[in-house]
Protein backbone atom coordinates (compact mmCIF):
# COMPACT_ATOMS: atom_id res chain seq x y z
CA MET A 1 80.74 89.37 153.57
CA LYS A 2 81.43 86.12 151.75
CA ARG A 3 78.31 86.61 149.66
CA LEU A 4 79.39 90.17 148.75
CA THR A 5 82.79 88.91 147.66
CA CYS A 6 81.13 86.33 145.42
CA ILE A 7 78.88 88.98 143.87
CA ILE A 8 81.83 91.29 143.17
CA THR A 9 83.81 88.42 141.64
CA PHE A 10 80.86 87.50 139.42
CA VAL A 11 80.35 91.10 138.26
CA LEU A 12 84.06 91.45 137.42
CA PHE A 13 83.91 88.21 135.45
CA ILE A 14 80.90 89.41 133.45
CA LEU A 15 82.64 92.72 132.70
CA SER A 16 85.82 91.02 131.57
CA VAL A 17 83.89 88.69 129.24
CA SER A 18 81.82 91.53 127.79
CA LEU A 19 84.93 93.59 127.09
CA LEU A 20 86.85 90.70 125.55
CA PRO A 21 85.60 91.24 121.98
CA PHE A 22 86.56 94.92 122.22
CA TYR A 23 90.09 94.13 123.33
CA SER A 24 90.38 91.38 120.72
CA VAL A 25 89.34 93.72 117.93
CA GLU A 26 91.71 96.44 119.10
CA ALA A 27 94.58 93.97 119.43
CA TYR A 28 93.86 92.75 115.91
CA ARG A 29 93.80 96.29 114.52
CA ASP A 30 97.15 96.98 116.15
CA THR A 31 98.82 93.80 114.89
CA ALA A 32 102.01 94.90 113.15
CA TYR A 33 102.85 93.48 109.73
CA HIS A 34 106.12 93.75 107.83
CA PHE A 35 105.46 94.02 104.12
CA GLY A 36 107.34 91.13 102.58
CA PHE A 37 106.87 88.44 99.94
CA LYS A 38 108.58 85.91 97.70
CA LYS A 39 110.11 87.84 94.83
CA SER A 40 109.06 87.62 91.22
CA LYS A 41 110.94 85.23 88.96
CA ASN A 42 110.73 84.76 85.20
CA GLY A 43 108.19 87.53 84.76
CA GLN A 44 105.67 85.96 87.15
CA LEU A 45 103.98 88.03 89.87
CA PRO A 46 105.46 87.98 93.39
CA SER A 47 103.60 86.17 96.16
CA ILE A 48 101.76 89.20 97.59
CA ASP A 49 98.34 87.74 96.75
CA GLN A 50 99.17 84.74 98.94
CA GLU A 51 100.36 86.74 101.96
CA GLY A 52 98.14 86.89 105.04
CA PHE A 53 98.04 90.69 105.13
CA LYS A 54 96.87 91.17 101.54
CA ASP A 55 93.14 91.46 102.38
CA ILE A 56 93.86 94.20 104.94
CA LEU A 57 95.76 96.21 102.34
CA VAL A 58 92.96 95.88 99.81
CA LYS A 59 90.30 96.73 102.41
CA HIS A 60 91.96 100.08 103.10
CA GLY A 61 92.86 100.91 99.50
CA ALA A 62 96.62 100.39 99.75
CA VAL A 63 98.42 99.60 96.50
CA PHE A 64 101.38 97.40 95.65
CA LEU A 65 100.75 96.58 91.97
CA GLY A 66 99.38 98.43 88.98
CA ASP A 67 97.62 96.83 86.02
CA THR A 68 99.31 93.44 85.79
CA THR A 69 97.84 92.79 82.34
CA LYS A 70 99.99 95.58 80.90
CA LYS A 71 103.72 96.21 80.67
CA GLU A 72 103.70 99.30 82.86
CA LEU A 73 106.04 100.25 85.69
CA TYR A 74 105.87 102.72 88.57
CA LEU A 75 109.23 104.00 89.79
CA THR A 76 109.47 105.17 93.40
CA PHE A 77 112.36 106.20 95.63
CA ASP A 78 112.59 106.43 99.41
CA ASN A 79 114.57 109.53 100.43
CA GLY A 80 115.38 109.45 104.13
CA TYR A 81 118.59 111.43 103.76
CA GLU A 82 120.85 112.64 100.97
CA ASN A 83 123.94 110.62 100.13
CA GLY A 84 125.07 112.50 97.03
CA TYR A 85 123.33 110.44 94.33
CA THR A 86 119.96 112.12 93.84
CA VAL A 87 121.29 114.66 91.35
CA GLN A 88 122.60 111.82 89.17
CA ILE A 89 119.26 110.03 89.49
CA LEU A 90 117.33 113.16 88.54
CA ASP A 91 119.66 113.78 85.60
CA THR A 92 118.95 110.27 84.31
CA LEU A 93 115.20 110.61 84.78
CA LYS A 94 115.25 113.91 82.92
CA GLU A 95 117.34 112.53 80.07
CA LYS A 96 115.16 109.42 79.72
CA LYS A 97 111.85 111.25 80.35
CA VAL A 98 110.82 108.93 83.19
CA PRO A 99 108.44 110.08 85.97
CA ALA A 100 109.10 109.04 89.56
CA ALA A 101 107.70 109.48 93.04
CA PHE A 102 110.02 110.43 95.90
CA PHE A 103 108.88 109.49 99.41
CA VAL A 104 110.61 111.92 101.75
CA THR A 105 111.15 112.27 105.48
CA GLY A 106 111.29 115.44 107.55
CA HIS A 107 115.08 115.29 107.62
CA TYR A 108 115.22 115.30 103.83
CA VAL A 109 112.73 118.15 103.55
CA LYS A 110 114.77 120.33 105.90
CA ASP A 111 118.14 119.33 104.46
CA GLN A 112 117.49 119.36 100.69
CA PRO A 113 115.00 122.09 99.72
CA GLU A 114 116.67 122.70 96.35
CA LEU A 115 116.42 119.06 95.34
CA LEU A 116 112.75 119.08 96.32
CA LYS A 117 112.17 122.11 94.12
CA ARG A 118 113.90 120.39 91.23
CA MET A 119 111.77 117.26 91.65
CA VAL A 120 108.57 119.27 91.37
CA LYS A 121 109.89 121.43 88.51
CA GLU A 122 110.75 118.32 86.50
CA GLY A 123 107.34 116.73 86.98
CA HIS A 124 108.01 114.21 89.73
CA LEU A 125 105.80 113.57 92.75
CA ILE A 126 106.96 114.25 96.31
CA GLU A 127 105.14 111.96 98.71
CA ASN A 128 105.03 111.25 102.44
CA HIS A 129 107.43 108.95 104.29
CA SER A 130 106.68 110.50 107.72
CA TRP A 131 108.56 113.24 109.54
CA GLY A 132 110.75 111.21 111.90
CA HIS A 133 110.62 107.71 110.34
CA PRO A 134 108.90 106.02 113.32
CA ASP A 135 107.20 102.62 113.45
CA MET A 136 103.76 103.85 112.36
CA ALA A 137 102.03 100.77 113.76
CA ARG A 138 103.19 101.67 117.28
CA ILE A 139 102.40 105.36 117.56
CA SER A 140 99.11 107.02 118.52
CA ASP A 141 96.58 108.32 116.00
CA SER A 142 97.41 111.91 116.96
CA ARG A 143 101.15 111.31 116.56
CA MET A 144 100.53 109.71 113.18
CA LYS A 145 98.58 112.73 112.03
CA GLU A 146 101.36 115.04 113.24
CA GLU A 147 104.06 112.99 111.47
CA LEU A 148 102.22 113.18 108.15
CA ASN A 149 100.99 116.75 108.40
CA LYS A 150 104.46 118.16 109.10
CA VAL A 151 105.90 116.63 105.94
CA LYS A 152 103.01 117.83 103.79
CA GLU A 153 103.05 121.35 105.20
CA GLU A 154 106.81 121.76 104.78
CA VAL A 155 106.78 120.39 101.22
CA VAL A 156 104.05 122.89 100.34
CA ARG A 157 106.08 125.69 101.92
CA VAL A 158 109.28 124.74 100.10
CA THR A 159 107.95 123.75 96.68
CA GLY A 160 104.36 124.95 96.36
CA GLN A 161 103.19 121.40 95.61
CA LYS A 162 99.60 121.39 96.84
CA GLU A 163 98.65 117.73 96.69
CA MET A 164 100.23 114.80 98.53
CA PRO A 165 97.92 111.82 98.10
CA PHE A 166 100.43 109.00 98.69
CA MET A 167 102.44 107.79 101.65
CA ARG A 168 104.72 104.87 102.47
CA PRO A 169 105.13 103.71 106.08
CA PRO A 170 108.77 103.51 107.20
CA ARG A 171 110.35 100.08 106.77
CA GLY A 172 107.07 98.80 105.34
CA ILE A 173 105.65 98.24 108.84
CA PHE A 174 101.89 98.72 109.10
CA SER A 175 98.76 97.75 111.01
CA GLU A 176 95.10 97.90 110.13
CA ARG A 177 94.68 100.89 112.45
CA MET A 178 97.54 102.69 110.73
CA LEU A 179 96.01 102.04 107.31
CA ALA A 180 92.60 103.23 108.49
CA VAL A 181 93.87 106.43 110.13
CA SER A 182 96.09 107.41 107.18
CA LYS A 183 93.22 106.72 104.77
CA GLN A 184 91.01 109.06 106.82
CA LEU A 185 93.73 111.69 106.42
CA GLY A 186 93.45 111.32 102.63
CA TYR A 187 96.42 109.06 101.92
CA THR A 188 96.78 105.99 99.74
CA ASN A 189 99.50 103.76 101.14
CA VAL A 190 101.97 102.67 98.47
CA PHE A 191 103.96 99.50 98.98
CA TRP A 192 105.93 97.71 96.22
CA SER A 193 106.41 94.55 94.20
CA ILE A 194 110.08 94.97 93.21
CA ALA A 195 112.76 95.72 95.79
CA TYR A 196 116.11 94.46 97.01
CA LYS A 197 118.57 95.32 99.76
CA ASP A 198 119.90 98.56 98.29
CA TRP A 199 119.61 100.80 101.35
CA ASP A 200 122.74 99.64 103.18
CA THR A 201 125.42 102.07 102.04
CA LYS A 202 128.14 99.88 103.59
CA LYS A 203 127.18 96.91 101.42
CA GLN A 204 127.01 98.31 97.92
CA LYS A 205 128.01 95.68 95.37
CA GLY A 206 128.31 97.56 92.09
CA TRP A 207 125.94 98.62 89.32
CA LYS A 208 125.73 95.08 87.88
CA TYR A 209 124.33 93.75 91.14
CA ALA A 210 121.67 96.47 91.15
CA TYR A 211 120.86 95.82 87.49
CA ASP A 212 120.57 92.04 87.93
CA SER A 213 118.55 92.37 91.15
CA PHE A 214 116.07 94.63 89.35
CA MET A 215 115.82 92.79 86.04
CA GLY A 216 115.45 89.42 87.76
CA GLN A 217 112.21 90.60 89.38
CA LEU A 218 110.71 92.43 86.39
CA HIS A 219 106.99 91.84 85.85
CA PRO A 220 103.95 93.70 84.47
CA GLY A 221 102.36 96.34 86.71
CA ALA A 222 105.34 96.53 89.03
CA VAL A 223 105.68 99.18 91.73
CA ILE A 224 109.43 99.60 92.13
CA LEU A 225 111.07 100.61 95.41
CA LEU A 226 114.61 101.97 95.19
CA HIS A 227 116.62 103.99 97.70
CA SER A 228 118.33 107.14 96.53
CA VAL A 229 121.27 106.61 98.90
CA SER A 230 122.52 103.76 96.72
CA GLY A 231 125.36 104.52 94.34
CA ASP A 232 124.66 101.17 92.67
CA ASN A 233 121.15 102.35 91.77
CA ALA A 234 122.40 105.65 90.41
CA GLU A 235 124.92 103.89 88.18
CA ALA A 236 122.52 101.19 86.96
CA LEU A 237 119.47 103.35 86.32
CA LYS A 238 120.18 104.32 82.69
CA LYS A 239 120.73 100.75 81.56
CA ILE A 240 117.70 99.54 83.54
CA ILE A 241 115.46 102.11 81.84
CA ASP A 242 116.83 101.37 78.37
CA ASP A 243 116.60 97.60 78.72
CA VAL A 244 113.08 97.43 80.19
CA ARG A 245 111.88 99.69 77.38
CA LYS A 246 113.42 97.26 74.88
CA GLN A 247 111.13 94.64 76.42
CA GLY A 248 108.11 96.86 75.77
CA TYR A 249 107.65 98.33 79.24
CA GLU A 250 106.41 101.88 79.88
CA PHE A 251 107.07 104.00 82.94
CA LYS A 252 104.02 105.75 84.41
CA SER A 253 103.43 108.17 87.28
CA LEU A 254 101.67 106.93 90.43
CA ASN A 255 98.78 109.29 89.79
CA GLN A 256 98.10 107.39 86.57
CA MET A 257 97.78 104.03 88.30
CA LYS A 258 94.88 101.72 87.60
CA THR A 259 94.83 98.27 89.18
CA LYS A 260 93.78 95.17 87.33
CA ARG A 261 94.61 91.47 87.71
CA PRO A 262 94.48 88.80 84.99
């Protein structure tokens, strides 16, 4: 009996050792990262290239910068819900002839079909921000597919837009597994290189704060993340567009993006 117990213990030990690499790899693939970096100053690039997660992003084709040798900008908005400012934003984009990408949730799709139609009509891109805004690094592969498919299907139904090649994970939380699964579903994950705390509607600080926060981070090839719920953004947008153009910058659509580093 004692010998049998020893044999069983030995077999269990061997099994646990043999499975260790598998569990280690899976744990690594499920490690959650929060996209964050030291912001750009004086026209220099932010610290994304020095962040530990950068190689994982590149491996799975995620983007966070365009061609940094050129003065080009990519304007994107996260639209989780409507706060009354998107019409003003769209009016400004139309007046200034600036393309943008709007990353929308299921709530926004259901709540604002007319605004979605206007976005498409005026040449903007509607992209995927998930249906229910979950932590995408913590949900199953099948749930992830459901979250993304529901947004795409409803946007097609409402607007007729056939393609949806880009997505942005809620709150910028991602894992290698999440990047791999979404890539298999045909998505390029889009992060950002210019952002500031504009999403808190209880802590708006005026258009000048939005303007200064944006202009202080300006750099070539920037992917800009703004939130459409911000009245500060809506008020500052015209001056931002005018003043970056005076510096020689050009706004481009995400589907025109080419990446290049100096």
